[in-house]
Amino acid sequence: MKIVSGNIVDIHQRRIYKGVIEMAGSKIAAIRETEEAPDIFILPGFVDSHIHIESSMLVPYEFARIALKHGTVATISDPHEIANVVGKEGVYYMIENARSAKLKFHFGAPSCVPATSFESAGAELNSEDVKELLASDDIFYLSEMMNYPGVLHSDPEVIKKLKHAQQIGKPIDGHAPGLKGDDAIRYIHAGISTDHECFTLEEALHKLKHGMKILIREGSAAKNYEALHSLIGTHPADVMFCSDDKHPDDLLEGHIDQLVKRSLKNGYNLFDILNIACKHPVDHYSMNVGLLKEGDQADFIVVDDVENFNVLQTWINGEKIHDNGKVHLKQKEHKIINNFAIDKVHVSEFTLYAKDWNVPSILAIDGELITEKNSAKPKIKNSIVQSDPAKDILKISVVNRYRQTQPSVGFIKGFGLKEGAIASTVAHDSHNIVAIGTSDEYLENAVNLLVESQGGLSAVSASGKHQISLPIAGLMSDKSCEEIGHAYAKIDRFVKTMGCKLKAPFMTLSFMALLVIPKIKMSDKGIFDAEAFKFY
């Protein structure tokens, strides 16, 4: 019998009392109130209600080794990113890698692979593939239905996927940024239960009114907490916290615990905050996670107090996995899987002639996934359209990584590079190579570094070059968060010496190819109008 005593934070009865927890095996055998107890606090662990583990650049096992330190005991994880690269094999890879990680990963069946028909992905999951995945006990929900036009127009394949989830009784996650009015109501009534893409309070309130749960997202690029946090006070029963995409350097600093601390500083009720951070995801997704009740799995955390919320211990299934900064999971080797099939590019492939250029540029917005259309004109010299770093008008290119084709080329404003180029195979959703540069030569160099490494991040300028290799699907490293986090922080600093003013340059870069987010994006097939859902 294992025993832990302290101040028990009972989120069900909304009270704190001195007590002792008795564990038998993986479960809580008894919780008893006592007169004396150590001056520590015991409460349910934190749950990220929507995250793509791949965006941490870590495999699930390595993600667990850092997230456990922050009191995260479970996640709702969408393996959509790796599925776009290697299909079902990628989903099963994530499940298998997570088995020995202790942290309770709850994976979904990706609903949109490829995300659209307007880009080239490495794989496809049709309705039968989704049905197969949903039948697995390792799959807990249908992942974000990004194809909301398909829902609204009753696309047969989309409807089949929704029905498969409904028939088996598993929740359906949503993804409909900016959708309001009758279209939002129809989308919700199709069985979509959540949305993590709300970026205005008005949008969130409309969706809440019609029965949807809202996930308040604060990731490395998309930061919606400031816009939505008032929902903690007005609709505490209908919201959850999520990160969606969290880069390794940010993960070293914190996870869902940061949103808990922030919400406390904003004056919200402790028990409302903890229900949002701990309980609501467990209830909504029927997660295999204990909530500090007798008979539950012994999943909980110990913190120093309920003001600072410094996590001292993390317990899962009655086992103390994290104790004062030390996680009892050893680093190990991880299997490598990938899908990369192109040769090096040539500088001439990025040439763009004035007679062919008649579309708007992309305007990137710091801290947002959405973009705006930009009317600023690039520079033209000898009938060739060129980057103009002085006006922050740079070339952007998406290179198909799955087969040898001509790269698409356009222009973007908002990155601020004065010299050089950056490139990445973390390029939602299809994870081709996305690159931005001040010249065609720099674009060639940055892209070819990734061709050589078969995936990762790169940055080049006159002062040197930096690169992070991501050998697992071009998305994840086989190294620890500390190694990748420090390497990522280094390349991030290097890009900022090149003139970039964005808080998270590579995270923002990764979303410039995300066609399902308005308003204008870049596919390997060309500049895309993400509102009209067509190419320019």
Protein backbone atom coordinates (compact mmCIF):
# COMPACT_ATOMS: atom_id res chain seq x y z
CA MET A 1 0.00 0.00 0.00
CA LYS A 2 1.44 3.36 -1.10
CA ILE A 3 0.44 6.49 0.82
CA VAL A 4 0.63 10.19 -0.04
CA SER A 5 -0.62 12.85 2.35
CA GLY A 6 -1.11 16.58 2.09
CA ASN A 7 -3.82 19.13 1.37
CA ILE A 8 -6.25 17.40 -0.97
CA VAL A 9 -7.78 19.63 -3.62
CA ASP A 10 -11.20 18.08 -4.20
CA ILE A 11 -12.48 19.53 -7.49
CA HIS A 12 -15.73 17.54 -7.20
CA GLN A 13 -16.81 18.93 -3.82
CA ARG A 14 -14.91 22.18 -4.46
CA ARG A 15 -13.01 22.15 -1.20
CA ILE A 16 -9.48 21.67 0.14
CA TYR A 17 -8.81 19.55 3.22
CA LYS A 18 -5.95 17.75 4.96
CA GLY A 19 -5.95 14.10 4.05
CA VAL A 20 -4.18 10.95 2.95
CA ILE A 21 -4.45 8.95 -0.26
CA GLU A 22 -3.99 5.18 -0.05
CA MET A 23 -3.11 3.33 -3.25
CA ALA A 24 -3.45 -0.36 -3.99
CA GLY A 25 -1.71 -1.22 -7.23
CA SER A 26 -2.71 1.29 -9.92
CA LYS A 27 -5.84 2.55 -8.15
CA ILE A 28 -6.85 4.75 -5.26
CA ALA A 29 -8.11 2.46 -2.49
CA ALA A 30 -9.13 5.19 -0.07
CA ILE A 31 -9.02 8.92 0.56
CA ARG A 32 -9.21 9.85 4.24
CA GLU A 33 -9.49 13.22 5.93
CA THR A 34 -6.91 13.84 8.67
CA GLU A 35 -6.12 16.52 11.22
CA GLU A 36 -2.49 16.93 10.20
CA ALA A 37 -0.76 16.73 6.83
CA PRO A 38 2.36 18.05 5.09
CA ASP A 39 2.10 21.54 3.64
CA ILE A 40 1.78 20.38 0.03
CA PHE A 41 -1.25 20.12 -2.27
CA ILE A 42 -2.55 17.05 -4.11
CA LEU A 43 -4.85 17.40 -7.10
CA PRO A 44 -5.75 15.73 -10.43
CA GLY A 45 -3.17 16.04 -13.19
CA PHE A 46 -3.43 18.39 -16.15
CA VAL A 47 -4.79 17.33 -19.53
CA ASP A 48 -4.05 18.95 -22.88
CA SER A 49 -7.40 18.70 -24.68
CA HIS A 50 -5.92 19.04 -28.17
CA ILE A 51 -2.31 18.70 -29.27
CA HIS A 52 -0.29 17.48 -32.22
CA ILE A 53 2.65 15.78 -30.52
CA GLU A 54 4.57 15.96 -33.80
CA SER A 55 4.72 19.75 -33.53
CA SER A 56 6.86 19.45 -30.43
CA MET A 57 9.40 17.79 -32.78
CA LEU A 58 9.46 14.95 -30.25
CA VAL A 59 8.17 11.40 -30.40
CA PRO A 60 5.52 10.67 -27.73
CA TYR A 61 8.01 9.02 -25.38
CA GLU A 62 10.32 12.06 -25.38
CA PHE A 63 7.33 14.42 -25.13
CA ALA A 64 6.26 12.56 -21.99
CA ARG A 65 9.70 12.97 -20.41
CA ILE A 66 9.26 16.75 -20.40
CA ALA A 67 5.47 17.15 -20.06
CA LEU A 68 5.37 15.02 -16.91
CA LYS A 69 7.57 17.62 -15.21
CA HIS A 70 4.83 20.18 -15.80
CA GLY A 71 2.10 18.02 -14.25
CA THR A 72 0.59 16.80 -17.52
CA VAL A 73 -0.78 13.29 -17.03
CA ALA A 74 -2.70 12.90 -20.30
CA THR A 75 -3.30 14.37 -23.74
CA ILE A 76 -5.88 14.29 -26.48
CA SER A 77 -3.44 13.81 -29.34
CA ASP A 78 -4.24 14.17 -33.02
CA PRO A 79 -1.67 12.21 -35.12
CA HIS A 80 -2.85 14.05 -38.21
CA GLU A 81 0.61 15.37 -39.06
CA ILE A 82 2.46 12.08 -39.33
CA ALA A 83 -0.58 10.52 -41.05
CA ASN A 84 -0.23 13.08 -43.84
CA VAL A 85 3.32 11.84 -44.39
CA VAL A 86 3.06 8.05 -43.98
CA GLY A 87 -0.64 7.27 -43.50
CA LYS A 88 -1.96 4.66 -41.07
CA GLU A 89 1.58 3.46 -40.42
CA GLY A 90 2.24 6.81 -38.80
CA VAL A 91 -0.79 6.59 -36.51
CA TYR A 92 0.23 3.13 -35.35
CA TYR A 93 3.81 4.36 -34.91
CA MET A 94 2.64 7.05 -32.48
CA ILE A 95 0.51 4.59 -30.52
CA GLU A 96 3.35 2.09 -30.23
CA ASN A 97 5.96 4.69 -29.28
CA ALA A 98 3.67 6.00 -26.54
CA ARG A 99 3.04 2.61 -24.87
CA SER A 100 6.02 2.78 -22.50
CA ALA A 101 5.81 6.52 -21.92
CA LYS A 102 3.60 6.35 -18.78
CA LEU A 103 1.85 9.61 -19.72
CA LYS A 104 -1.63 8.71 -21.00
CA PHE A 105 -1.82 9.60 -24.68
CA HIS A 106 -5.31 9.37 -26.18
CA PHE A 107 -4.99 9.37 -29.94
CA GLY A 108 -7.65 10.19 -32.49
CA ALA A 109 -8.38 8.94 -36.00
CA PRO A 110 -7.29 11.68 -38.43
CA SER A 111 -10.32 12.82 -40.39
CA CYS A 112 -8.68 14.85 -43.15
CA VAL A 113 -5.69 13.15 -44.79
CA PRO A 114 -4.96 14.87 -47.06
CA ALA A 115 -6.46 17.99 -45.52
CA THR A 116 -7.61 19.22 -48.93
CA SER A 117 -7.44 18.16 -52.57
CA PHE A 118 -5.45 21.31 -53.33
CA GLU A 119 -2.10 20.03 -52.03
CA SER A 120 0.13 16.98 -52.35
CA ALA A 121 0.36 14.81 -49.24
CA GLY A 122 2.32 11.63 -48.70
CA ALA A 123 -0.71 9.49 -47.91
CA GLU A 124 -4.49 9.29 -47.85
CA LEU A 125 -6.92 7.97 -45.24
CA ASN A 126 -10.31 7.22 -46.76
CA SER A 127 -13.51 6.48 -44.85
CA GLU A 128 -12.67 2.77 -44.59
CA ASP A 129 -9.25 3.57 -43.13
CA VAL A 130 -10.90 5.88 -40.61
CA LYS A 131 -13.44 3.18 -39.75
CA GLU A 132 -10.62 0.74 -39.09
CA LEU A 133 -8.82 3.19 -36.82
CA LEU A 134 -11.97 4.14 -34.89
CA ALA A 135 -12.62 0.47 -34.14
CA SER A 136 -9.34 0.30 -32.19
CA ASP A 137 -9.38 0.64 -28.40
CA ASP A 138 -6.30 2.85 -28.83
CA ILE A 139 -8.34 5.47 -30.71
CA PHE A 140 -10.64 7.68 -28.64
CA TYR A 141 -12.22 10.13 -31.08
CA LEU A 142 -12.42 11.40 -34.66
CA SER A 143 -9.79 14.11 -34.98
CA GLU A 144 -10.49 17.66 -36.07
CA MET A 145 -12.82 17.84 -39.06
CA MET A 146 -11.05 20.59 -40.96
CA ASN A 147 -13.04 20.06 -44.11
CA TYR A 148 -15.98 22.13 -42.95
CA PRO A 149 -17.01 22.87 -46.56
CA GLY A 150 -17.28 19.10 -46.98
CA VAL A 151 -19.53 18.93 -43.91
CA LEU A 152 -21.72 21.82 -45.09
CA HIS A 153 -22.04 20.41 -48.61
CA SER A 154 -22.52 16.79 -47.47
CA ASP A 155 -19.44 15.39 -49.16
CA PRO A 156 -20.05 11.59 -49.17
CA GLU A 157 -16.62 10.64 -47.78
CA VAL A 158 -16.81 13.27 -45.05
CA ILE A 159 -20.30 12.15 -44.01
CA LYS A 160 -19.17 8.51 -43.88
CA LYS A 161 -16.32 9.43 -41.51
CA LEU A 162 -18.69 11.35 -39.26
CA LYS A 163 -21.16 8.48 -39.21
CA HIS A 164 -18.46 5.93 -38.38
CA ALA A 165 -17.57 7.94 -35.26
CA GLN A 166 -21.20 8.46 -34.29
CA GLN A 167 -22.08 4.79 -34.71
CA ILE A 168 -19.25 3.71 -32.44
CA GLY A 169 -20.02 6.48 -29.94
CA LYS A 170 -16.74 8.39 -30.14
CA PRO A 171 -16.61 12.23 -30.07
CA ILE A 172 -15.86 14.32 -33.15
CA ASP A 173 -13.47 17.26 -32.91
CA GLY A 174 -14.00 20.39 -34.96
CA HIS A 175 -11.86 22.91 -36.77
CA ALA A 176 -13.75 25.82 -38.28
CA PRO A 177 -11.94 29.15 -37.78
CA GLY A 178 -14.20 32.14 -38.22
CA LEU A 179 -17.28 30.05 -39.02
CA LYS A 180 -20.42 31.70 -37.65
CA GLY A 181 -24.13 32.05 -38.36
CA ASP A 182 -26.19 29.33 -40.01
CA ASP A 183 -23.11 27.59 -41.39
CA ALA A 184 -21.67 27.17 -37.90
CA ILE A 185 -25.00 25.83 -36.65
CA ARG A 186 -25.18 23.29 -39.47
CA TYR A 187 -21.57 22.27 -38.80
CA ILE A 188 -22.28 21.71 -35.10
CA HIS A 189 -25.50 19.81 -35.82
CA ALA A 190 -23.53 17.40 -38.00
CA GLY A 191 -22.10 16.05 -34.75
CA ILE A 192 -19.04 18.25 -34.28
CA SER A 193 -18.51 18.68 -30.54
CA THR A 194 -15.49 20.98 -30.08
CA ASP A 195 -13.53 23.76 -31.72
CA HIS A 196 -10.02 24.97 -30.83
CA GLU A 197 -9.81 27.53 -33.66
CA CYS A 198 -11.93 30.40 -32.28
CA PHE A 199 -9.93 33.61 -32.39
CA THR A 200 -12.67 36.06 -31.33
CA LEU A 201 -14.95 36.01 -28.32
CA GLU A 202 -17.96 36.62 -30.55
CA GLU A 203 -17.24 33.46 -32.55
CA ALA A 204 -16.70 31.38 -29.42
CA LEU A 205 -19.93 32.59 -27.79
CA HIS A 206 -21.92 31.79 -30.93
CA LYS A 207 -20.56 28.25 -31.03
CA LEU A 208 -21.10 27.77 -27.30
CA LYS A 209 -24.71 28.90 -27.67
CA HIS A 210 -25.34 26.12 -30.14
CA GLY A 211 -23.84 23.33 -28.06
CA MET A 212 -20.16 23.24 -28.91
CA LYS A 213 -17.32 22.99 -26.37
CA ILE A 214 -14.62 25.62 -26.83
CA LEU A 215 -10.95 24.79 -26.35
CA ILE A 216 -8.94 27.83 -25.26
CA ARG A 217 -5.70 27.48 -27.17
CA GLU A 218 -2.31 28.88 -26.28
CA GLY A 219 0.43 27.36 -28.42
CA SER A 220 3.76 28.50 -29.77
CA ALA A 221 2.24 30.39 -32.71
CA ALA A 222 -1.52 30.52 -32.23
CA LYS A 223 -2.31 32.33 -29.00
CA ASN A 224 -6.00 32.82 -28.29
CA TYR A 225 -6.02 32.93 -24.48
CA GLU A 226 -6.23 36.74 -24.29
CA ALA A 227 -9.23 36.81 -26.63
CA LEU A 228 -11.11 33.97 -24.94
CA HIS A 229 -10.15 33.78 -21.26
CA SER A 230 -13.32 35.56 -20.09
CA LEU A 231 -15.11 32.30 -20.93
CA ILE A 232 -13.49 30.84 -17.80
CA GLY A 233 -15.71 33.16 -15.78
CA THR A 234 -18.85 33.06 -17.93
CA HIS A 235 -18.90 29.47 -19.27
CA PRO A 236 -16.62 27.41 -16.98
CA ALA A 237 -18.53 24.18 -17.67
CA ASP A 238 -18.05 24.37 -21.44
CA VAL A 239 -14.38 25.13 -22.01
CA MET A 240 -11.05 23.29 -21.84
CA PHE A 241 -7.39 24.24 -22.25
CA CYS A 242 -5.20 23.12 -25.13
CA SER A 243 -1.88 23.95 -26.76
CA ASP A 244 -2.50 22.52 -30.25
CA ASP A 245 1.11 23.05 -31.33
CA LYS A 246 3.93 23.48 -28.82
CA HIS A 247 7.55 23.85 -29.91
CA PRO A 248 10.29 22.18 -27.84
CA ASP A 249 11.86 25.35 -26.45
CA ASP A 250 8.46 26.49 -25.17
CA LEU A 251 7.75 23.02 -23.77
CA LEU A 252 10.88 23.27 -21.65
CA GLU A 253 9.26 26.28 -19.95
CA GLY A 254 5.80 24.84 -19.36
CA HIS A 255 2.61 23.30 -20.67
CA ILE A 256 -0.99 23.40 -19.40
CA ASP A 257 0.38 24.44 -16.01
CA GLN A 258 1.15 27.84 -17.53
CA LEU A 259 -2.53 28.41 -18.37
CA VAL A 260 -3.54 27.42 -14.85
CA LYS A 261 -1.12 29.94 -13.32
CA ARG A 262 -2.15 32.63 -15.76
CA SER A 263 -5.84 32.09 -15.05
CA LEU A 264 -5.25 32.32 -11.30
CA LYS A 265 -3.44 35.63 -11.78
CA ASN A 266 -6.45 36.83 -13.77
CA GLY A 267 -8.61 36.20 -10.71
CA TYR A 268 -10.67 33.22 -11.86
CA ASN A 269 -11.99 30.66 -9.39
CA LEU A 270 -9.49 27.93 -8.54
CA PHE A 271 -12.00 25.10 -8.91
CA ASP A 272 -13.34 26.39 -12.23
CA ILE A 273 -9.78 26.54 -13.54
CA LEU A 274 -8.95 23.02 -12.36
CA ASN A 275 -12.12 21.55 -13.81
CA ILE A 276 -11.17 23.10 -17.13
CA ALA A 277 -7.55 21.93 -16.92
CA CYS A 278 -8.16 18.48 -15.47
CA LYS A 279 -11.74 17.17 -15.55
CA HIS A 280 -13.63 18.40 -18.62
CA PRO A 281 -11.40 16.60 -21.17
CA VAL A 282 -11.61 13.35 -19.19
CA ASP A 283 -15.40 13.52 -19.17
CA HIS A 284 -15.81 14.62 -22.79
CA TYR A 285 -13.49 12.02 -24.32
CA SER A 286 -14.11 9.20 -21.78
CA MET A 287 -10.42 9.18 -21.02
CA ASN A 288 -8.73 6.49 -18.97
CA VAL A 289 -7.56 9.05 -16.40
CA GLY A 290 -8.23 9.22 -12.68
CA LEU A 291 -9.68 12.35 -11.08
CA LEU A 292 -8.74 11.78 -7.45
CA LYS A 293 -11.72 9.72 -6.34
CA GLU A 294 -11.78 6.38 -4.56
CA GLY A 295 -11.66 3.59 -7.13
CA ASP A 296 -10.06 5.83 -9.78
CA GLN A 297 -6.71 5.18 -11.37
CA ALA A 298 -4.12 6.81 -9.14
CA ASP A 299 -3.30 9.70 -11.48
CA PHE A 300 -2.52 12.95 -9.69
CA ILE A 301 0.08 15.62 -9.08
CA VAL A 302 1.61 17.25 -6.02
CA VAL A 303 2.28 21.00 -6.05
CA ASP A 304 3.92 23.34 -3.55
CA ASP A 305 0.84 25.55 -3.15
CA VAL A 306 -2.24 26.72 -5.05
CA GLU A 307 -0.80 30.12 -5.86
CA ASN A 308 2.51 29.29 -7.54
CA PHE A 309 1.56 25.78 -8.71
CA ASN A 310 5.11 24.46 -8.94
CA VAL A 311 4.79 20.76 -9.72
CA LEU A 312 6.75 18.62 -7.26
CA GLN A 313 5.51 15.14 -8.20
CA THR A 314 3.51 13.43 -10.94
CA TRP A 315 1.84 10.09 -10.25
CA ILE A 316 0.31 7.85 -12.91
CA ASN A 317 -1.37 4.51 -12.19
CA GLY A 318 -0.01 4.59 -8.64
CA GLU A 319 3.58 5.11 -9.76
CA LYS A 320 5.59 8.21 -8.98
CA ILE A 321 6.93 9.02 -12.45
CA HIS A 322 8.23 12.51 -11.71
CA ASP A 323 9.81 13.63 -8.44
CA ASN A 324 11.25 17.13 -7.98
CA GLY A 325 12.45 17.58 -11.53
CA LYS A 326 13.54 14.00 -12.16
CA VAL A 327 11.42 11.86 -14.52
CA HIS A 328 11.82 8.12 -14.19
CA LEU A 329 11.86 7.43 -17.92
CA LYS A 330 15.23 6.71 -19.47
CA GLN A 331 16.17 8.08 -22.88
CA LYS A 332 16.10 5.31 -25.49
CA GLU A 333 16.47 4.73 -29.22
CA HIS A 334 13.45 5.28 -31.45
CA LYS A 335 12.50 3.69 -34.74
CA ILE A 336 12.89 5.89 -37.83
CA ILE A 337 10.14 6.11 -40.45
CA ASN A 338 9.97 8.65 -43.28
CA ASN A 339 8.67 9.48 -46.75
CA PHE A 340 11.03 11.68 -48.74
CA ALA A 341 11.59 11.21 -52.47
CA ILE A 342 13.12 14.24 -54.19
CA ASP A 343 16.53 15.37 -55.38
CA LYS A 344 18.11 18.75 -54.79
CA VAL A 345 16.48 21.81 -56.33
CA HIS A 346 18.19 24.31 -58.63
CA VAL A 347 18.12 28.06 -58.21
CA SER A 348 16.38 28.48 -61.58
CA GLU A 349 13.30 26.67 -60.24
CA PHE A 350 12.48 29.72 -58.09
CA THR A 351 12.54 32.20 -60.98
CA LEU A 352 9.26 34.07 -61.42
CA TYR A 353 8.59 36.21 -64.49
CA ALA A 354 6.58 39.42 -64.34
CA LYS A 355 4.19 38.31 -67.06
CA ASP A 356 3.15 35.36 -64.86
CA TRP A 357 2.67 37.32 -61.64
CA ASN A 358 -0.81 38.75 -61.01
CA VAL A 359 -1.91 37.44 -57.61
CA PRO A 360 -1.84 39.01 -54.14
CA SER A 361 0.92 38.32 -51.65
CA ILE A 362 0.48 36.71 -48.24
CA LEU A 363 0.61 38.86 -45.11
CA ALA A 364 1.73 36.80 -42.11
CA ILE A 365 0.42 37.90 -38.70
CA ASP A 366 2.54 37.32 -35.62
CA GLY A 367 0.90 34.91 -33.17
CA GLU A 368 -1.90 33.92 -35.55
CA LEU A 369 -2.60 31.09 -37.98
CA ILE A 370 -4.75 33.33 -40.14
CA THR A 371 -3.18 35.52 -42.82
CA GLU A 372 -4.34 38.55 -44.76
CA LYS A 373 -4.08 39.45 -48.43
CA ASN A 374 -1.36 41.99 -49.16
CA SER A 375 -1.46 44.39 -52.11
CA ALA A 376 2.19 45.49 -51.89
CA LYS A 377 4.04 44.82 -55.13
CA PRO A 378 7.36 42.95 -55.30
CA LYS A 379 10.36 44.34 -57.18
CA ILE A 380 10.74 43.67 -60.91
CA LYS A 381 14.16 43.65 -62.59
CA ASN A 382 14.79 42.53 -66.16
CA SER A 383 11.22 41.18 -66.33
CA ILE A 384 11.88 38.94 -63.31
CA VAL A 385 9.89 39.36 -60.08
CA GLN A 386 12.22 39.48 -57.08
CA SER A 387 12.19 39.76 -53.32
CA ASP A 388 12.43 43.26 -51.89
CA PRO A 389 13.81 42.92 -48.33
CA ALA A 390 13.77 46.69 -47.84
CA LYS A 391 9.97 46.56 -48.10
CA ASP A 392 9.71 43.15 -46.37
CA ILE A 393 8.40 41.51 -49.55
CA LEU A 394 10.03 38.08 -49.73
CA LYS A 395 9.71 35.03 -51.92
CA ILE A 396 7.88 32.04 -50.49
CA SER A 397 8.06 28.61 -52.05
CA VAL A 398 6.52 25.21 -51.33
CA VAL A 399 8.45 22.24 -52.70
CA ASN A 400 6.74 18.87 -53.04
CA ARG A 401 8.81 16.41 -50.98
CA TYR A 402 7.01 13.28 -52.21
CA ARG A 403 7.74 13.54 -55.94
CA GLN A 404 9.90 15.64 -58.23
CA THR A 405 7.85 18.60 -59.48
CA GLN A 406 8.28 22.31 -60.11
CA PRO A 407 8.15 24.27 -56.83
CA SER A 408 5.37 26.81 -56.40
CA VAL A 409 6.53 30.38 -55.84
CA GLY A 410 4.82 33.48 -54.47
CA PHE A 411 5.46 36.41 -52.17
CA ILE A 412 4.93 37.08 -48.49
CA LYS A 413 5.18 40.03 -46.14
CA GLY A 414 5.57 39.99 -42.36
CA PHE A 415 8.69 37.91 -41.77
CA GLY A 416 11.14 40.81 -41.98
CA LEU A 417 14.21 38.90 -43.17
CA LYS A 418 16.91 41.28 -44.34
CA GLU A 419 19.16 38.59 -45.77
CA GLY A 420 19.02 34.83 -46.12
CA ALA A 421 16.35 32.14 -46.13
CA ILE A 422 14.60 29.70 -43.80
CA ALA A 423 12.97 26.39 -44.69
CA SER A 424 11.07 23.61 -42.95
CA THR A 425 9.41 20.25 -43.57
CA VAL A 426 7.13 21.00 -40.62
CA ALA A 427 4.58 22.56 -42.96
CA HIS A 428 0.98 21.88 -42.03
CA ASP A 429 -0.81 19.91 -43.25
CA SER A 430 0.96 17.97 -45.98
CA HIS A 431 4.48 18.69 -44.71
CA ASN A 432 6.13 19.53 -47.96
CA ILE A 433 9.09 21.92 -47.79
CA VAL A 434 8.06 25.52 -47.16
CA ALA A 435 10.74 28.18 -47.55
CA ILE A 436 11.01 31.99 -47.41
CA GLY A 437 14.02 33.93 -48.63
CA THR A 438 15.49 37.21 -49.76
CA SER A 439 16.94 35.67 -52.94
CA ASP A 440 16.60 32.60 -55.14
CA GLU A 441 20.13 31.52 -54.21
CA TYR A 442 19.34 31.55 -50.52
CA LEU A 443 16.12 29.62 -51.15
CA GLU A 444 18.08 26.96 -53.04
CA ASN A 445 20.58 26.60 -50.20
CA ALA A 446 17.96 26.38 -47.43
CA VAL A 447 15.82 23.84 -49.29
CA ASN A 448 18.76 21.64 -50.27
CA LEU A 449 19.93 21.39 -46.67
CA LEU A 450 16.59 19.71 -45.94
CA VAL A 451 16.82 17.47 -49.00
CA GLU A 452 20.21 16.28 -47.72
CA SER A 453 18.86 15.55 -44.22
CA GLN A 454 15.51 14.17 -45.44
CA GLY A 455 13.62 16.67 -43.33
CA GLY A 456 13.99 19.27 -40.60
CA LEU A 457 14.55 23.02 -40.22
CA SER A 458 17.21 25.16 -41.87
CA ALA A 459 18.37 28.77 -41.94
CA VAL A 460 21.11 30.28 -44.11
CA SER A 461 22.63 33.73 -44.44
CA ALA A 462 25.99 35.28 -45.24
CA SER A 463 27.03 34.74 -41.63
CA GLY A 464 26.49 30.97 -41.70
CA LYS A 465 23.91 28.23 -41.61
CA HIS A 466 21.99 26.31 -38.98
CA GLN A 467 20.03 23.10 -39.30
CA ILE A 468 17.96 20.72 -37.18
CA SER A 469 17.48 17.22 -38.55
CA LEU A 470 14.03 15.64 -38.03
CA PRO A 471 14.50 12.09 -39.33
CA ILE A 472 11.12 10.75 -38.21
CA ALA A 473 8.72 11.71 -41.02
CA GLY A 474 10.52 15.04 -41.36
CA LEU A 475 8.57 16.08 -38.27
CA MET A 476 10.22 14.62 -35.19
CA SER A 477 13.64 14.02 -33.74
CA ASP A 478 14.78 10.89 -31.97
CA LYS A 479 16.51 13.08 -29.38
CA SER A 480 15.35 14.48 -26.02
CA CYS A 481 13.41 17.70 -25.54
CA GLU A 482 16.45 19.29 -23.89
CA GLU A 483 18.61 18.60 -26.96
CA ILE A 484 16.04 19.66 -29.52
CA GLY A 485 14.76 22.53 -27.41
CA HIS A 486 18.20 24.07 -27.10
CA ALA A 487 18.95 23.48 -30.79
CA TYR A 488 15.62 25.04 -31.71
CA ALA A 489 16.27 28.06 -29.49
CA LYS A 490 19.66 28.48 -31.19
CA ILE A 491 18.26 28.41 -34.73
CA ASP A 492 15.42 30.71 -33.62
CA ARG A 493 17.95 33.25 -32.34
CA PHE A 494 19.92 32.95 -35.57
CA VAL A 495 16.82 33.71 -37.69
CA LYS A 496 16.14 36.79 -35.58
CA THR A 497 19.68 38.05 -36.31
CA MET A 498 18.61 37.84 -39.97
CA GLY A 499 15.97 40.48 -39.25
CA CYS A 500 12.91 38.40 -38.42
CA LYS A 501 10.69 40.03 -35.78
CA LEU A 502 8.21 37.18 -35.31
CA LYS A 503 8.03 35.56 -31.88
CA ALA A 504 8.17 32.05 -33.36
CA PRO A 505 9.43 32.25 -36.97
CA PHE A 506 9.42 28.53 -37.73
CA MET A 507 6.02 27.95 -36.16
CA THR A 508 4.54 30.78 -38.19
CA LEU A 509 6.32 29.46 -41.30
CA SER A 510 4.77 26.03 -40.74
CA PHE A 511 1.27 27.49 -41.05
CA MET A 512 1.84 29.36 -44.30
CA ALA A 513 0.96 26.14 -46.15
CA LEU A 514 -2.13 25.43 -44.02
CA LEU A 515 -4.86 25.81 -46.60
CA VAL A 516 -7.79 25.27 -44.23
CA ILE A 517 -7.04 28.49 -42.33
CA PRO A 518 -8.04 31.81 -43.95
CA LYS A 519 -7.31 33.91 -45.81
CA ILE A 520 -4.49 33.23 -48.25
CA LYS A 521 -1.91 30.43 -48.12
CA MET A 522 0.63 28.59 -50.26
CA SER A 523 0.33 25.05 -51.58
CA ASP A 524 2.88 23.10 -53.58
CA LYS A 525 0.38 23.71 -56.41
CA GLY A 526 0.19 27.50 -56.05
CA ILE A 527 -1.23 30.49 -54.14
CA PHE A 528 -4.53 29.50 -52.56
CA ASP A 529 -7.60 31.52 -51.59
CA ALA A 530 -8.54 29.83 -48.29
CA GLU A 531 -11.88 31.64 -48.13
CA ALA A 532 -13.14 30.77 -51.60
CA PHE A 533 -11.29 27.41 -51.48
CA LYS A 534 -9.69 27.80 -54.89
CA PHE A 535 -6.40 28.84 -56.47
CA TYR A 536 -5.81 32.36 -57.68
